[in-house]
PDB file of N, CA and C in Angstrom:
ATOM      1  N   MET A   1       0.818  -1.188   0.000  1.00  0.00           N
ATOM      2  CA  MET A   1       0.000   0.000   0.000  1.00  0.00           C
ATOM      3  C   MET A   1       0.867   1.260   0.000  1.00  0.00           C
ATOM      4  N   ILE A   2       1.950   1.207   0.753  1.00  0.00           N
ATOM      5  CA  ILE A   2       2.843   2.372   0.803  1.00  0.00           C
ATOM      6  C   ILE A   2       3.480   2.609  -0.558  1.00  0.00           C
ATOM      7  N   SER A   3       3.879   1.545  -1.243  1.00  0.00           N
ATOM      8  CA  SER A   3       4.504   1.720  -2.551  1.00  0.00           C
ATOM      9  C   SER A   3       3.520   2.281  -3.566  1.00  0.00           C
ATOM     10  N   ALA A   4       2.265   1.912  -3.465  1.00  0.00           N
ATOM     11  CA  ALA A   4       1.257   2.468  -4.371  1.00  0.00           C
ATOM     12  C   ALA A   4       1.069   3.958  -4.144  1.00  0.00           C
ATOM     13  N   ILE A   5       1.081   4.360  -2.908  1.00  0.00           N
ATOM     14  CA  ILE A   5       0.902   5.778  -2.586  1.00  0.00           C
ATOM     15  C   ILE A   5       2.116   6.595  -3.004  1.00  0.00           C
ATOM     16  N   THR A   6       3.315   6.047  -2.816  1.00  0.00           N
ATOM     17  CA  THR A   6       4.514   6.822  -3.100  1.00  0.00           C
ATOM     18  C   THR A   6       4.946   6.801  -4.567  1.00  0.00           C
ATOM     19  N   THR A   7       4.495   5.823  -5.352  1.00  0.00           N
ATOM     20  CA  THR A   7       4.902   5.774  -6.754  1.00  0.00           C
ATOM     21  C   THR A   7       3.736   5.926  -7.724  1.00  0.00           C
ATOM     22  N   LEU A   8       2.697   5.180  -7.525  1.00  0.00           N
ATOM     23  CA  LEU A   8       1.592   5.184  -8.469  1.00  0.00           C
ATOM     24  C   LEU A   8       0.793   6.486  -8.444  1.00  0.00           C
ATOM     25  N   LEU A   9       0.496   6.978  -7.286  1.00  0.00           N
ATOM     26  CA  LEU A   9      -0.315   8.195  -7.171  1.00  0.00           C
ATOM     27  C   LEU A   9       0.369   9.420  -7.775  1.00  0.00           C
ATOM     28  N   PRO A  10       1.646   9.697  -7.456  1.00  0.00           N
ATOM     29  CA  PRO A  10       2.292  10.850  -8.108  1.00  0.00           C
ATOM     30  C   PRO A  10       2.416  10.685  -9.625  1.00  0.00           C
ATOM     31  N   THR A  11       2.677   9.471 -10.072  1.00  0.00           N
ATOM     32  CA  THR A  11       2.766   9.232 -11.510  1.00  0.00           C
ATOM     33  C   THR A  11       1.428   9.495 -12.176  1.00  0.00           C
ATOM     34  N   PHE A  12       0.371   9.052 -11.561  1.00  0.00           N
ATOM     35  CA  PHE A  12      -0.981   9.238 -12.097  1.00  0.00           C
ATOM     36  C   PHE A  12      -1.337  10.718 -12.164  1.00  0.00           C
ATOM     37  N   ILE A  13      -1.004  11.453 -11.126  1.00  0.00           N
ATOM     38  CA  ILE A  13      -1.343  12.879 -11.074  1.00  0.00           C
ATOM     39  C   ILE A  13      -0.461  13.700 -12.008  1.00  0.00           C
ATOM     40  N   LEU A  14       0.843  13.405 -12.046  1.00  0.00           N
ATOM     41  CA  LEU A  14       1.776  14.208 -12.837  1.00  0.00           C
ATOM     42  C   LEU A  14       1.813  13.819 -14.310  1.00  0.00           C
ATOM     43  N   SER A  15       1.110  12.791 -14.711  1.00  0.00           N
ATOM     44  CA  SER A  15       1.144  12.360 -16.104  1.00  0.00           C
ATOM     45  C   SER A  15       0.288  13.237 -17.005  1.00  0.00           C
ATOM     46  N   GLY A  16      -0.621  13.986 -16.438  1.00  0.00           N
ATOM     47  CA  GLY A  16      -1.530  14.793 -17.239  1.00  0.00           C
ATOM     48  C   GLY A  16      -2.869  14.113 -17.448  1.00  0.00           C
ATOM     49  N   PHE A  17      -3.074  12.977 -16.823  1.00  0.00           N
ATOM     50  CA  PHE A  17      -4.337  12.260 -16.962  1.00  0.00           C
ATOM     51  C   PHE A  17      -5.438  12.914 -16.134  1.00  0.00           C
ATOM     52  N   VAL A  18      -5.111  13.307 -14.934  1.00  0.00           N
ATOM     53  CA  VAL A  18      -6.104  13.907 -14.039  1.00  0.00           C
ATOM     54  C   VAL A  18      -6.195  15.406 -14.257  1.00  0.00           C
ATOM     55  N   PHE A  19      -5.051  16.084 -14.253  1.00  0.00           N
ATOM     56  CA  PHE A  19      -4.981  17.529 -14.415  1.00  0.00           C
ATOM     57  C   PHE A  19      -4.119  17.853 -15.629  1.00  0.00           C
ATOM     58  N   PRO A  20      -4.523  18.823 -16.449  1.00  0.00           N
ATOM     59  CA  PRO A  20      -3.679  19.198 -17.587  1.00  0.00           C
ATOM     60  C   PRO A  20      -2.320  19.715 -17.119  1.00  0.00           C
ATOM     61  N   ILE A  21      -1.269  19.307 -17.796  1.00  0.00           N
ATOM     62  CA  ILE A  21       0.082  19.693 -17.400  1.00  0.00           C
ATOM     63  C   ILE A  21       0.275  21.198 -17.548  1.00  0.00           C
ATOM     64  N   ARG A  22      -0.334  21.799 -18.548  1.00  0.00           N
ATOM     65  CA  ARG A  22      -0.166  23.245 -18.753  1.00  0.00           C
ATOM     66  C   ARG A  22      -0.772  24.077 -17.626  1.00  0.00           C
ATOM     67  N   ASN A  23      -1.662  23.493 -16.814  1.00  0.00           N
ATOM     68  CA  ASN A  23      -2.253  24.216 -15.687  1.00  0.00           C
ATOM     69  C   ASN A  23      -1.457  24.050 -14.395  1.00  0.00           C
ATOM     70  N   MET A  24      -0.408  23.244 -14.424  1.00  0.00           N
ATOM     71  CA  MET A  24       0.423  23.030 -13.242  1.00  0.00           C
ATOM     72  C   MET A  24       1.465  24.137 -13.147  1.00  0.00           C
ATOM     73  N   PRO A  25       1.990  24.393 -11.948  1.00  0.00           N
ATOM     74  CA  PRO A  25       3.070  25.379 -11.823  1.00  0.00           C
ATOM     75  C   PRO A  25       4.297  24.942 -12.635  1.00  0.00           C
ATOM     76  N   ILE A  26       5.086  25.911 -13.060  1.00  0.00           N
ATOM     77  CA  ILE A  26       6.246  25.652 -13.918  1.00  0.00           C
ATOM     78  C   ILE A  26       7.208  24.617 -13.320  1.00  0.00           C
ATOM     79  N   PRO A  27       7.580  24.693 -12.029  1.00  0.00           N
ATOM     80  CA  PRO A  27       8.488  23.660 -11.494  1.00  0.00           C
ATOM     81  C   PRO A  27       7.907  22.243 -11.582  1.00  0.00           C
ATOM     82  N   ILE A  28       6.622  22.120 -11.373  1.00  0.00           N
ATOM     83  CA  ILE A  28       5.971  20.810 -11.473  1.00  0.00           C
ATOM     84  C   ILE A  28       5.938  20.358 -12.932  1.00  0.00           C
ATOM     85  N   GLN A  29       5.731  21.288 -13.859  1.00  0.00           N
ATOM     86  CA  GLN A  29       5.748  20.940 -15.279  1.00  0.00           C
ATOM     87  C   GLN A  29       7.103  20.380 -15.680  1.00  0.00           C
ATOM     88  N   LEU A  30       8.171  20.915 -15.135  1.00  0.00           N
ATOM     89  CA  LEU A  30       9.509  20.416 -15.445  1.00  0.00           C
ATOM     90  C   LEU A  30       9.720  19.003 -14.896  1.00  0.00           C
ATOM     91  N   ILE A  31       9.145  18.716 -13.742  1.00  0.00           N
ATOM     92  CA  ILE A  31       9.262  17.379 -13.154  1.00  0.00           C
ATOM     93  C   ILE A  31       8.538  16.345 -14.013  1.00  0.00           C
ATOM     94  N   THR A  32       7.456  16.746 -14.665  1.00  0.00           N
ATOM     95  CA  THR A  32       6.682  15.789 -15.460  1.00  0.00           C
ATOM     96  C   THR A  32       7.459  15.233 -16.646  1.00  0.00           C
ATOM     97  N   TYR A  33       8.531  15.890 -17.056  1.00  0.00           N
ATOM     98  CA  TYR A  33       9.316  15.384 -18.189  1.00  0.00           C
ATOM     99  C   TYR A  33      10.041  14.076 -17.870  1.00  0.00           C
ATOM    100  N   ILE A  34      10.220  13.744 -16.601  1.00  0.00           N
ATOM    101  CA  ILE A  34      10.895  12.489 -16.258  1.00  0.00           C
ATOM    102  C   ILE A  34       9.910  11.346 -16.001  1.00  0.00           C
ATOM    103  N   ILE A  35       8.618  11.623 -16.174  1.00  0.00           N
ATOM    104  CA  ILE A  35       7.592  10.602 -15.943  1.00  0.00           C
ATOM    105  C   ILE A  35       7.182  10.003 -17.293  1.00  0.00           C
ATOM    106  N   PRO A  36       7.468   8.718 -17.514  1.00  0.00           N
ATOM    107  CA  PRO A  36       7.143   8.105 -18.813  1.00  0.00           C
ATOM    108  C   PRO A  36       5.655   8.105 -19.151  1.00  0.00           C
ATOM    109  N   THR A  37       4.808   8.108 -18.160  1.00  0.00           N
ATOM    110  CA  THR A  37       3.366   8.071 -18.404  1.00  0.00           C
ATOM    111  C   THR A  37       2.892   9.299 -19.157  1.00  0.00           C
ATOM    112  N   ARG A  38       3.585  10.411 -18.975  1.00  0.00           N
ATOM    113  CA  ARG A  38       3.243  11.636 -19.703  1.00  0.00           C
ATOM    114  C   ARG A  38       3.312  11.387 -21.205  1.00  0.00           C
ATOM    115  N   TYR A  39       4.391  10.782 -21.661  1.00  0.00           N
ATOM    116  CA  TYR A  39       4.593  10.530 -23.076  1.00  0.00           C
ATOM    117  C   TYR A  39       3.627   9.467 -23.594  1.00  0.00           C
ATOM    118  N   PHE A  40       3.384   8.455 -22.771  1.00  0.00           N
ATOM    119  CA  PHE A  40       2.449   7.406 -23.164  1.00  0.00           C
ATOM    120  C   PHE A  40       1.050   7.972 -23.375  1.00  0.00           C
ATOM    121  N   LEU A  41       0.618   8.875 -22.518  1.00  0.00           N
ATOM    122  CA  LEU A  41      -0.718   9.461 -22.667  1.00  0.00           C
ATOM    123  C   LEU A  41      -0.835  10.314 -23.916  1.00  0.00           C
ATOM    124  N   VAL A  42       0.224  11.018 -24.273  1.00  0.00           N
ATOM    125  CA  VAL A  42       0.206  11.814 -25.506  1.00  0.00           C
ATOM    126  C   VAL A  42       0.048  10.888 -26.713  1.00  0.00           C
ATOM    127  N   ILE A  43       0.799   9.785 -26.714  1.00  0.00           N
ATOM    128  CA  ILE A  43       0.695   8.817 -27.802  1.00  0.00           C
ATOM    129  C   ILE A  43      -0.707   8.216 -27.845  1.00  0.00           C
ATOM    130  N   LEU A  44      -1.213   7.831 -26.693  1.00  0.00           N
ATOM    131  CA  LEU A  44      -2.538   7.221 -26.621  1.00  0.00           C
ATOM    132  C   LEU A  44      -3.627   8.167 -27.110  1.00  0.00           C
ATOM    133  N   ARG A  45      -3.550   9.426 -26.710  1.00  0.00           N
ATOM    134  CA  ARG A  45      -4.546  10.413 -27.164  1.00  0.00           C
ATOM    135  C   ARG A  45      -4.468  10.622 -28.673  1.00  0.00           C
ATOM    136  N   ASN A  46      -3.247  10.670 -29.210  1.00  0.00           N
ATOM    137  CA  ASN A  46      -3.104  10.846 -30.657  1.00  0.00           C
ATOM    138  C   ASN A  46      -3.692   9.672 -31.434  1.00  0.00           C
ATOM    139  N   ILE A  47      -3.501   8.473 -30.943  1.00  0.00           N
ATOM    140  CA  ILE A  47      -4.004   7.299 -31.654  1.00  0.00           C
ATOM    141  C   ILE A  47      -5.516   7.167 -31.500  1.00  0.00           C
ATOM    142  N   VAL A  48      -5.998   7.234 -30.265  1.00  0.00           N
ATOM    143  CA  VAL A  48      -7.415   6.957 -30.013  1.00  0.00           C
ATOM    144  C   VAL A  48      -8.314   8.118 -30.429  1.00  0.00           C
ATOM    145  N   LEU A  49      -7.971   9.328 -30.047  1.00  0.00           N
ATOM    146  CA  LEU A  49      -8.857  10.457 -30.313  1.00  0.00           C
ATOM    147  C   LEU A  49      -8.698  11.033 -31.713  1.00  0.00           C
ATOM    148  N   LYS A  50      -7.451  11.109 -32.194  1.00  0.00           N
ATOM    149  CA  LYS A  50      -7.220  11.733 -33.485  1.00  0.00           C
ATOM    150  C   LYS A  50      -7.023  10.740 -34.617  1.00  0.00           C
ATOM    151  N   GLY A  51      -6.697   9.492 -34.290  1.00  0.00           N
ATOM    152  CA  GLY A  51      -6.428   8.507 -35.324  1.00  0.00           C
ATOM    153  C   GLY A  51      -5.131   8.801 -36.065  1.00  0.00           C
ATOM    154  N   SER A  52      -4.184   9.421 -35.375  1.00  0.00           N
ATOM    155  CA  SER A  52      -2.936   9.852 -35.991  1.00  0.00           C
ATOM    156  C   SER A  52      -1.987   8.683 -36.222  1.00  0.00           C
ATOM    157  N   GLY A  53      -1.031   8.936 -37.105  1.00  0.00           N
ATOM    158  CA  GLY A  53      -0.001   7.948 -37.375  1.00  0.00           C
ATOM    159  C   GLY A  53       1.261   8.260 -36.585  1.00  0.00           C
ATOM    160  N   LEU A  54       2.311   7.527 -36.873  1.00  0.00           N
ATOM    161  CA  LEU A  54       3.585   7.633 -36.170  1.00  0.00           C
ATOM    162  C   LEU A  54       4.224   9.019 -36.309  1.00  0.00           C
ATOM    163  N   ILE A  55       3.954   9.691 -37.385  1.00  0.00           N
ATOM    164  CA  ILE A  55       4.557  11.007 -37.641  1.00  0.00           C
ATOM    165  C   ILE A  55       4.176  12.011 -36.555  1.00  0.00           C
ATOM    166  N   SER A  56       2.975  11.928 -36.036  1.00  0.00           N
ATOM    167  CA  SER A  56       2.506  12.947 -35.091  1.00  0.00           C
ATOM    168  C   SER A  56       3.030  12.759 -33.668  1.00  0.00           C
ATOM    169  N   PHE A  57       3.542  11.592 -33.333  1.00  0.00           N
ATOM    170  CA  PHE A  57       4.025  11.396 -31.964  1.00  0.00           C
ATOM    171  C   PHE A  57       5.401  10.749 -31.907  1.00  0.00           C
ATOM    172  N   TRP A  58       6.242  10.991 -32.894  1.00  0.00           N
ATOM    173  CA  TRP A  58       7.570  10.371 -32.918  1.00  0.00           C
ATOM    174  C   TRP A  58       8.465  10.891 -31.802  1.00  0.00           C
ATOM    175  N   ARG A  59       8.283  12.141 -31.372  1.00  0.00           N
ATOM    176  CA  ARG A  59       9.111  12.688 -30.285  1.00  0.00           C
ATOM    177  C   ARG A  59       8.831  11.970 -28.968  1.00  0.00           C
ATOM    178  N   GLU A  60       7.566  11.742 -28.693  1.00  0.00           N
ATOM    179  CA  GLU A  60       7.193  11.039 -27.467  1.00  0.00           C
ATOM    180  C   GLU A  60       7.679   9.596 -27.494  1.00  0.00           C
ATOM    181  N   LEU A  61       7.576   8.964 -28.661  1.00  0.00           N
ATOM    182  CA  LEU A  61       8.050   7.592 -28.801  1.00  0.00           C
ATOM    183  C   LEU A  61       9.564   7.522 -28.619  1.00  0.00           C
ATOM    184  N   LEU A  62      10.278   8.496 -29.163  1.00  0.00           N
ATOM    185  CA  LEU A  62      11.724   8.557 -28.987  1.00  0.00           C
ATOM    186  C   LEU A  62      12.093   8.756 -27.517  1.00  0.00           C
ATOM    187  N   ALA A  63      11.346   9.599 -26.814  1.00  0.00           N
ATOM    188  CA  ALA A  63      11.605   9.814 -25.385  1.00  0.00           C
ATOM    189  C   ALA A  63      11.403   8.519 -24.599  1.00  0.00           C
ATOM    190  N   LEU A  64      10.362   7.763 -24.918  1.00  0.00           N
ATOM    191  CA  LEU A  64      10.123   6.494 -24.228  1.00  0.00           C
ATOM    192  C   LEU A  64      11.211   5.476 -24.534  1.00  0.00           C
ATOM    193  N   VAL A  65      11.678   5.432 -25.772  1.00  0.00           N
ATOM    194  CA  VAL A  65      12.751   4.503 -26.132  1.00  0.00           C
ATOM    195  C   VAL A  65      14.035   4.878 -25.398  1.00  0.00           C
ATOM    196  N   LEU A  66      14.347   6.170 -25.337  1.00  0.00           N
ATOM    197  CA  LEU A  66      15.543   6.610 -24.611  1.00  0.00           C
ATOM    198  C   LEU A  66      15.454   6.270 -23.125  1.00  0.00           C
ATOM    199  N   MET A  67      14.293   6.492 -22.526  1.00  0.00           N
ATOM    200  CA  MET A  67      14.111   6.147 -21.116  1.00  0.00           C
ATOM    201  C   MET A  67      14.266   4.647 -20.899  1.00  0.00           C
ATOM    202  N   THR A  68      13.802   3.856 -21.858  1.00  0.00           N
ATOM    203  CA  THR A  68      13.928   2.402 -21.763  1.00  0.00           C
ATOM    204  C   THR A  68      15.390   1.989 -21.752  1.00  0.00           C
ATOM    205  N   PHE A  69      16.175   2.528 -22.690  1.00  0.00           N
ATOM    206  CA  PHE A  69      17.585   2.158 -22.765  1.00  0.00           C
ATOM    207  C   PHE A  69      18.386   2.668 -21.572  1.00  0.00           C
ATOM    208  N   ILE A  70      18.043   3.830 -21.064  1.00  0.00           N
ATOM    209  CA  ILE A  70      18.729   4.345 -19.871  1.00  0.00           C
ATOM    210  C   ILE A  70      18.431   3.449 -18.671  1.00  0.00           C
ATOM    211  N   THR A  71      17.166   3.094 -18.484  1.00  0.00           N
ATOM    212  CA  THR A  71      16.793   2.227 -17.366  1.00  0.00           C
ATOM    213  C   THR A  71      17.421   0.845 -17.511  1.00  0.00           C
ATOM    214  N   LEU A  72      17.414   0.316 -18.715  1.00  0.00           N
ATOM    215  CA  LEU A  72      18.017  -0.991 -18.952  1.00  0.00           C
ATOM    216  C   LEU A  72      19.524  -0.951 -18.712  1.00  0.00           C
ATOM    217  N   GLY A  73      20.184   0.111 -19.164  1.00  0.00           N
ATOM    218  CA  GLY A  73      21.621   0.242 -18.944  1.00  0.00           C
ATOM    219  C   GLY A  73      21.973   0.350 -17.472  1.00  0.00           C
ATOM    220  N   LEU A  74      21.215   1.137 -16.736  1.00  0.00           N
ATOM    221  CA  LEU A  74      21.461   1.265 -15.294  1.00  0.00           C
ATOM    222  C   LEU A  74      21.216  -0.060 -14.572  1.00  0.00           C
ATOM    223  N   SER A  75      20.216  -0.798 -15.022  1.00  0.00           N
ATOM    224  CA  SER A  75      19.930  -2.101 -14.412  1.00  0.00           C
ATOM    225  C   SER A  75      21.064  -3.088 -14.651  1.00  0.00           C
ATOM    226  N   VAL A  76      21.598  -3.079 -15.872  1.00  0.00           N
ATOM    227  CA  VAL A  76      22.704  -3.980 -16.187  1.00  0.00           C
ATOM    228  C   VAL A  76      23.934  -3.627 -15.352  1.00  0.00           C
ATOM    229  N   LEU A  77      24.235  -2.344 -15.224  1.00  0.00           N
ATOM    230  CA  LEU A  77      25.377  -1.930 -14.404  1.00  0.00           C
ATOM    231  C   LEU A  77      25.195  -2.332 -12.953  1.00  0.00           C
ATOM    232  N   ARG A  78      24.013  -2.176 -12.457  1.00  0.00           N
ATOM    233  CA  ARG A  78      23.749  -2.538 -11.062  1.00  0.00           C
ATOM    234  C   ARG A  78      23.848  -4.048 -10.849  1.00  0.00           C
ATOM    235  N   MET A  79      23.380  -4.818 -11.811  1.00  0.00           N
ATOM    236  CA  MET A  79      23.467  -6.274 -11.701  1.00  0.00           C
ATOM    237  C   MET A  79      24.923  -6.736 -11.761  1.00  0.00           C
ATOM    238  N   LYS A  80      25.736  -6.086 -12.587  1.00  0.00           N
ATOM    239  CA  LYS A  80      27.162  -6.465 -12.653  1.00  0.00           C
ATOM    240  C   LYS A  80      27.836  -6.216 -11.329  1.00  0.00           C
ATOM    241  N   LYS A  81      27.504  -5.103 -10.668  1.00  0.00           N
ATOM    242  CA  LYS A  81      28.097  -4.806  -9.364  1.00  0.00           C
ATOM    243  C   LYS A  81      27.684  -5.830  -8.312  1.00  0.00           C
ATOM    244  N   SER A  82      26.432  -6.285  -8.375  1.00  0.00           N
ATOM    245  CA  SER A  82      25.957  -7.208  -7.356  1.00  0.00           C
ATOM    246  C   SER A  82      26.474  -8.638  -7.589  1.00  0.00           C
ATOM    247  N   LEU A  83      26.842  -8.963  -8.819  1.00  0.00           N
ATOM    248  CA  LEU A  83      27.335 -10.307  -9.101  1.00  0.00           C
ATOM    249  C   LEU A  83      28.796 -10.492  -8.707  1.00  0.00           C
ATOM    250  N   TYR A  84      29.561  -9.429  -8.713  1.00  0.00           N
ATOM    251  CA  TYR A  84      31.007  -9.560  -8.416  1.00  0.00           C
ATOM    252  C   TYR A  84      31.339  -9.214  -7.017  1.00  0.00           C
TER     253      TYR A  84
END
């Protein structure tokens, strides 16, 4: 329950699903750039509501791919340290 409150709730609120990101204070808007759910929601809205193709959300997709490789790289480094 504690992990849901400390991780899921802020991600849900800061993703732009509940409150529009443009209505948040500027410092909070800057924090939302590190939340992957923000980019996923932009992609989802473009596909479902607008019926857009890959051209309209390639920046968000690139951000998610970069976050994936950064997280994967950090995980591999951490696993190497724990194995030796």
